[in-house]
Amino acid sequence: MNNATTPWWKTATVYQIYPKSFCDSGAKGTGDIQGIISKLDYLKSLGIDAIWLTPVYESPMVDNGYDISDYYAINPDFGTMQDFDELLEQAHQRGIRIIMDIVVNHTSTAHKWFQSALEGKDSLIAITISGKILLMVKSQPIGSLSLVAMLGSLMRRVVNTICIYSQPNRQTLTGKTLRCAKK
């Protein structure tokens, strides 16, 4: 393949950042988005083309940020949406792309979609493996649990992807969450 037809990511040098331990911009003892911004010139000097940013979304941090409770908010420990927008702008000014690590095959049990499904409020649960719907049922409370709660423990053990969607709160993340790719 020549450079005109080779996708950028096939030849890119990507630097993965776990924000919590990368660089603290203050005296909190944990890293943050402003800390990443402060190191962009250094990262550029390494010859990187992109930063793979592990989750910075709002999360109770039970699973190192991979248990996302709000896909549209930045974890306050890491900063604000304005900090994130500044990171995008500053990185792009240096020719550095930002790759967001977005976890869509599960959420935090604190996420509103999960909580809605637990309550059984008009929750239609679709269980899929590798994109094929295996089962679609209305979530019914079972004592203090529901089908979703029982499946929560199963989700971590299945090799293939299991997705749980809750209606009417089912939403598409790509339009809003991936807005950074359009900049």
Protein backbone atom coordinates (compact mmCIF):
# COMPACT_ATOMS: atom_id res chain seq x y z
CA MET A 1 0.00 0.00 0.00
CA ASN A 2 1.17 3.52 -0.66
CA ASN A 3 0.78 6.46 1.71
CA ALA A 4 -2.20 7.85 -0.21
CA THR A 5 -4.27 4.73 0.50
CA THR A 6 -2.85 3.60 3.83
CA PRO A 7 -5.10 4.53 6.77
CA TRP A 8 -3.24 6.78 9.24
CA TRP A 9 -3.63 4.33 12.12
CA LYS A 10 -1.75 1.55 10.33
CA THR A 11 1.53 3.46 10.52
CA ALA A 12 0.90 5.71 13.52
CA THR A 13 2.98 5.72 16.66
CA VAL A 14 0.44 5.68 19.48
CA TYR A 15 1.21 6.56 23.10
CA GLN A 16 -1.23 5.17 25.68
CA ILE A 17 -2.00 7.37 28.68
CA TYR A 18 -3.67 6.27 31.88
CA PRO A 19 -4.60 9.76 33.12
CA LYS A 20 -4.76 8.91 36.83
CA SER A 21 -1.03 8.17 36.96
CA PHE A 22 0.38 10.16 34.03
CA CYS A 23 0.88 13.74 35.26
CA ASP A 24 -0.63 15.74 38.11
CA SER A 25 -1.09 19.42 37.24
CA GLY A 26 -1.58 20.34 40.89
CA ALA A 27 -0.82 18.82 44.24
CA LYS A 28 -3.65 16.25 44.35
CA GLY A 29 -1.41 13.25 43.93
CA THR A 30 -3.25 11.95 40.85
CA GLY A 31 -2.95 12.79 37.19
CA ASP A 32 -5.44 14.85 35.24
CA ILE A 33 -6.21 16.30 31.82
CA GLN A 34 -4.30 19.53 32.51
CA GLY A 35 -1.30 17.36 33.35
CA ILE A 36 -1.57 15.70 29.94
CA ILE A 37 -1.81 19.11 28.25
CA SER A 38 1.36 20.21 30.06
CA LYS A 39 3.26 17.27 28.51
CA LEU A 40 2.06 17.59 24.89
CA ASP A 41 5.30 19.19 23.67
CA TYR A 42 7.30 16.40 25.30
CA LEU A 43 5.03 13.76 23.75
CA LYS A 44 5.37 15.40 20.34
CA SER A 45 9.18 15.34 20.74
CA LEU A 46 8.94 11.55 21.13
CA GLY A 47 7.54 11.39 17.60
CA ILE A 48 4.05 10.20 18.48
CA ASP A 49 1.13 10.59 16.09
CA ALA A 50 -1.69 9.86 18.53
CA ILE A 51 -2.56 9.52 22.19
CA TRP A 52 -4.69 6.58 23.24
CA LEU A 53 -6.50 8.03 26.24
CA THR A 54 -7.90 5.44 28.63
CA PRO A 55 -11.32 6.35 30.08
CA VAL A 56 -11.71 9.85 31.49
CA TYR A 57 -15.50 9.59 31.67
CA GLU A 58 -17.40 9.92 34.92
CA SER A 59 -16.95 6.69 36.86
CA PRO A 60 -17.01 5.39 40.44
CA MET A 61 -13.54 3.99 39.57
CA VAL A 62 -14.30 0.47 40.80
CA ASP A 63 -12.78 -0.84 37.55
CA ASN A 64 -10.07 1.80 36.93
CA GLY A 65 -12.48 4.00 35.00
CA TYR A 66 -13.82 1.27 32.75
CA ASP A 67 -17.04 1.20 34.80
CA ILE A 68 -18.52 4.30 33.19
CA SER A 69 -21.45 5.97 34.93
CA ASP A 70 -21.88 8.85 32.43
CA TYR A 71 -20.51 8.67 28.89
CA TYR A 72 -21.16 12.40 28.40
CA ALA A 73 -19.27 13.73 31.43
CA ILE A 74 -15.63 13.94 32.45
CA ASN A 75 -14.64 12.42 35.79
CA PRO A 76 -14.10 15.46 38.06
CA ASP A 77 -10.87 13.86 39.33
CA PHE A 78 -9.48 14.38 35.82
CA GLY A 79 -10.94 17.81 35.12
CA THR A 80 -13.85 19.27 33.18
CA MET A 81 -15.30 19.09 29.70
CA GLN A 82 -13.56 22.44 29.07
CA ASP A 83 -10.24 20.80 30.02
CA PHE A 84 -11.00 17.97 27.60
CA ASP A 85 -11.86 20.44 24.81
CA GLU A 86 -8.57 22.24 25.50
CA LEU A 87 -6.70 18.93 25.30
CA LEU A 88 -8.26 18.24 21.91
CA GLU A 89 -7.43 21.71 20.63
CA GLN A 90 -3.85 21.69 21.93
CA ALA A 91 -3.17 18.16 20.70
CA HIS A 92 -4.56 18.88 17.24
CA GLN A 93 -2.47 22.06 17.00
CA ARG A 94 0.56 19.81 17.41
CA GLY A 95 -0.69 17.27 14.89
CA ILE A 96 -1.48 14.72 17.62
CA ARG A 97 -4.69 12.72 17.32
CA ILE A 98 -6.67 11.64 20.37
CA ILE A 99 -8.05 8.10 20.45
CA MET A 100 -10.70 7.70 23.13
CA ASP A 101 -10.94 4.38 24.92
CA ILE A 102 -14.71 4.01 25.07
CA VAL A 103 -16.27 1.00 26.72
CA VAL A 104 -19.64 0.22 25.20
CA ASN A 105 -20.13 -3.43 26.11
CA HIS A 106 -20.87 -2.65 29.77
CA THR A 107 -21.52 0.26 32.12
CA SER A 108 -21.15 0.95 35.79
CA THR A 109 -23.90 -0.29 38.03
CA ALA A 110 -24.21 3.42 38.94
CA HIS A 111 -25.12 4.35 35.33
CA LYS A 112 -28.68 5.62 34.88
CA TRP A 113 -29.39 3.01 32.19
CA PHE A 114 -28.40 0.19 34.56
CA GLN A 115 -30.37 1.72 37.43
CA SER A 116 -33.44 2.13 35.21
CA ALA A 117 -33.19 -1.50 34.17
CA LEU A 118 -32.91 -2.57 37.82
CA GLU A 119 -36.11 -0.71 38.60
CA GLY A 120 -37.86 -2.44 35.70
CA LYS A 121 -39.31 0.84 34.44
CA ASP A 122 -40.21 0.05 30.83
CA SER A 123 -36.87 -1.68 30.43
CA LEU A 124 -36.49 -3.88 27.40
CA ILE A 125 -33.33 -5.92 27.71
CA ALA A 126 -31.53 -7.14 24.61
CA ILE A 127 -28.73 -9.63 25.13
CA THR A 128 -26.38 -9.90 22.19
CA ILE A 129 -23.27 -11.91 21.50
CA SER A 130 -21.08 -10.77 18.63
CA GLY A 131 -23.86 -8.51 17.37
CA LYS A 132 -26.56 -11.20 17.21
CA ILE A 133 -29.61 -10.80 19.45
CA LEU A 134 -29.98 -13.92 21.60
CA LEU A 135 -32.75 -12.80 23.90
CA MET A 136 -34.99 -9.78 24.31
CA VAL A 137 -37.15 -9.56 27.41
CA LYS A 138 -38.88 -6.96 29.52
CA SER A 139 -36.95 -6.46 32.75
CA GLN A 140 -39.01 -7.62 35.70
CA PRO A 141 -37.89 -7.10 39.28
CA ILE A 142 -37.15 -10.37 41.09
CA GLY A 143 -37.14 -9.47 44.77
CA SER A 144 -34.50 -6.78 45.03
CA LEU A 145 -32.84 -7.90 41.79
CA SER A 146 -33.82 -8.01 38.15
CA LEU A 147 -32.67 -9.93 35.11
CA VAL A 148 -30.16 -7.17 34.43
CA ALA A 149 -28.60 -7.44 37.89
CA MET A 150 -28.17 -11.18 37.52
CA LEU A 151 -26.63 -10.75 34.08
CA GLY A 152 -24.22 -8.14 35.43
CA SER A 153 -22.01 -10.79 37.02
CA LEU A 154 -22.21 -12.94 33.90
CA MET A 155 -21.03 -10.08 31.68
CA ARG A 156 -17.53 -10.18 33.12
CA ARG A 157 -17.13 -13.91 32.47
CA VAL A 158 -18.24 -14.19 28.87
CA VAL A 159 -15.55 -14.19 26.21
CA ASN A 160 -17.79 -12.70 23.54
CA THR A 161 -19.34 -9.30 23.99
CA ILE A 162 -22.62 -9.13 25.84
CA CYS A 163 -24.48 -5.84 25.58
CA ILE A 164 -27.46 -4.79 27.65
CA TYR A 165 -29.64 -1.98 26.35
CA SER A 166 -32.35 -0.29 28.35
CA GLN A 167 -35.31 1.45 26.73
CA PRO A 168 -36.50 4.19 26.58
CA ASN A 169 -33.05 5.36 27.65
CA ARG A 170 -31.30 3.50 24.86
CA GLN A 171 -29.04 6.00 23.19
CA THR A 172 -26.34 6.10 20.58
CA LEU A 173 -23.03 7.29 21.94
CA THR A 174 -21.19 7.92 18.73
CA GLY A 175 -22.74 11.25 17.73
CA LYS A 176 -21.99 13.09 20.95
CA THR A 177 -19.13 11.12 22.43
CA LEU A 178 -17.10 10.88 19.24
CA ARG A 179 -17.42 14.59 18.46
CA CYS A 180 -13.69 14.81 19.17
CA ALA A 181 -13.01 12.83 15.99
CA LYS A 182 -14.59 15.60 13.92
CA LYS A 183 -12.25 18.34 15.14
